[in-house]
Amino acid sequence: MMKALKAIICVISFVAALGFAGTSDMTDQVIYTMPTETYHDIKETLAADGDSPSDYEIAMFYLKSKDQ
């Protein structure tokens, strides 16, 4: 029973790590390929509510506005 539980925990941890790495890679790729001026414009737009946006938030905003 303990071996099965350890195996399940390892699989779940592995999948979570892959998800985190994939999200991080996607965010980096979007940030590095977007124009610098666009990055700063989006950052100013998202920072209007007081908090500094993360690169992930900037990348998601860019991708959403790019599709429209």
C-alpha atoms as a PDB file:
ATOM      1  CA  MET A   1       0.000   0.000   0.000  1.00  0.00           C
ATOM      2  CA  MET A   2       2.807   2.447   0.865  1.00  0.00           C
ATOM      3  CA  LYS A   3       4.619   1.729  -2.411  1.00  0.00           C
ATOM      4  CA  ALA A   4       1.497   2.546  -4.383  1.00  0.00           C
ATOM      5  CA  LEU A   5       0.950   5.752  -2.419  1.00  0.00           C
ATOM      6  CA  LYS A   6       4.563   6.816  -2.976  1.00  0.00           C
ATOM      7  CA  ALA A   7       4.249   6.076  -6.689  1.00  0.00           C
ATOM      8  CA  ILE A   8       1.060   8.135  -6.961  1.00  0.00           C
ATOM      9  CA  ILE A   9       2.654  11.050  -5.108  1.00  0.00           C
ATOM     10  CA  CYS A  10       5.708  10.884  -7.384  1.00  0.00           C
ATOM     11  CA  VAL A  11       3.573  10.874 -10.526  1.00  0.00           C
ATOM     12  CA  ILE A  12       1.499  13.823  -9.315  1.00  0.00           C
ATOM     13  CA  SER A  13       4.652  15.747  -8.377  1.00  0.00           C
ATOM     14  CA  PHE A  14       6.205  15.008 -11.773  1.00  0.00           C
ATOM     15  CA  VAL A  15       3.117  16.200 -13.654  1.00  0.00           C
ATOM     16  CA  ALA A  16       2.952  19.368 -11.543  1.00  0.00           C
ATOM     17  CA  ALA A  17       6.639  20.083 -12.202  1.00  0.00           C
ATOM     18  CA  LEU A  18       6.118  19.613 -15.957  1.00  0.00           C
ATOM     19  CA  GLY A  19       3.156  21.985 -15.861  1.00  0.00           C
ATOM     20  CA  PHE A  20       5.142  24.619 -14.013  1.00  0.00           C
ATOM     21  CA  ALA A  21       8.100  24.287 -16.377  1.00  0.00           C
ATOM     22  CA  GLY A  22       5.856  24.510 -19.428  1.00  0.00           C
ATOM     23  CA  THR A  23       4.128  27.636 -18.156  1.00  0.00           C
ATOM     24  CA  SER A  24       7.457  29.224 -17.326  1.00  0.00           C
ATOM     25  CA  ASP A  25       8.903  28.418 -20.762  1.00  0.00           C
ATOM     26  CA  MET A  26       5.817  29.755 -22.539  1.00  0.00           C
ATOM     27  CA  THR A  27       5.917  32.978 -20.527  1.00  0.00           C
ATOM     28  CA  ASP A  28       9.611  33.495 -21.251  1.00  0.00           C
ATOM     29  CA  GLN A  29       9.119  32.844 -24.956  1.00  0.00           C
ATOM     30  CA  VAL A  30       6.258  35.351 -25.234  1.00  0.00           C
ATOM     31  CA  ILE A  31       8.118  38.023 -23.243  1.00  0.00           C
ATOM     32  CA  TYR A  32      11.340  37.614 -25.247  1.00  0.00           C
ATOM     33  CA  THR A  33       9.577  37.808 -28.620  1.00  0.00           C
ATOM     34  CA  MET A  34       7.336  40.781 -27.899  1.00  0.00           C
ATOM     35  CA  PRO A  35       8.595  44.282 -28.708  1.00  0.00           C
ATOM     36  CA  THR A  36      10.101  46.135 -25.745  1.00  0.00           C
ATOM     37  CA  GLU A  37       7.738  49.082 -26.155  1.00  0.00           C
ATOM     38  CA  THR A  38       4.742  46.749 -26.075  1.00  0.00           C
ATOM     39  CA  TYR A  39       6.051  45.104 -22.895  1.00  0.00           C
ATOM     40  CA  HIS A  40       6.344  48.470 -21.155  1.00  0.00           C
ATOM     41  CA  ASP A  41       2.930  49.635 -22.401  1.00  0.00           C
ATOM     42  CA  ILE A  42       1.225  46.497 -21.115  1.00  0.00           C
ATOM     43  CA  LYS A  43       3.094  46.728 -17.822  1.00  0.00           C
ATOM     44  CA  GLU A  44       1.891  50.318 -17.344  1.00  0.00           C
ATOM     45  CA  THR A  45      -1.669  49.348 -18.266  1.00  0.00           C
ATOM     46  CA  LEU A  46      -1.782  46.456 -15.823  1.00  0.00           C
ATOM     47  CA  ALA A  47      -0.021  48.442 -13.086  1.00  0.00           C
ATOM     48  CA  ALA A  48      -2.808  51.036 -13.124  1.00  0.00           C
ATOM     49  CA  ASP A  49      -4.515  49.257 -10.206  1.00  0.00           C
ATOM     50  CA  GLY A  50      -1.429  49.626  -7.992  1.00  0.00           C
ATOM     51  CA  ASP A  51       0.225  46.222  -8.165  1.00  0.00           C
ATOM     52  CA  SER A  52       3.182  45.421 -10.367  1.00  0.00           C
ATOM     53  CA  PRO A  53       2.097  42.704 -12.831  1.00  0.00           C
ATOM     54  CA  SER A  54       4.028  39.478 -13.205  1.00  0.00           C
ATOM     55  CA  ASP A  55       5.578  38.441 -16.498  1.00  0.00           C
ATOM     56  CA  TYR A  56       2.910  35.725 -16.742  1.00  0.00           C
ATOM     57  CA  GLU A  57       0.133  38.332 -16.488  1.00  0.00           C
ATOM     58  CA  ILE A  58       1.851  40.481 -19.113  1.00  0.00           C
ATOM     59  CA  ALA A  59       2.258  37.499 -21.455  1.00  0.00           C
ATOM     60  CA  MET A  60      -1.397  36.470 -21.061  1.00  0.00           C
ATOM     61  CA  PHE A  61      -2.582  40.036 -21.701  1.00  0.00           C
ATOM     62  CA  TYR A  62      -0.391  40.204 -24.815  1.00  0.00           C
ATOM     63  CA  LEU A  63      -1.665  36.917 -26.183  1.00  0.00           C
ATOM     64  CA  LYS A  64      -5.307  37.851 -25.549  1.00  0.00           C
ATOM     65  CA  SER A  65      -4.969  41.264 -27.192  1.00  0.00           C
ATOM     66  CA  LYS A  66      -2.940  39.797 -30.068  1.00  0.00           C
ATOM     67  CA  ASP A  67      -5.747  37.353 -30.929  1.00  0.00           C
ATOM     68  CA  GLN A  68      -8.383  40.077 -31.159  1.00  0.00           C
END
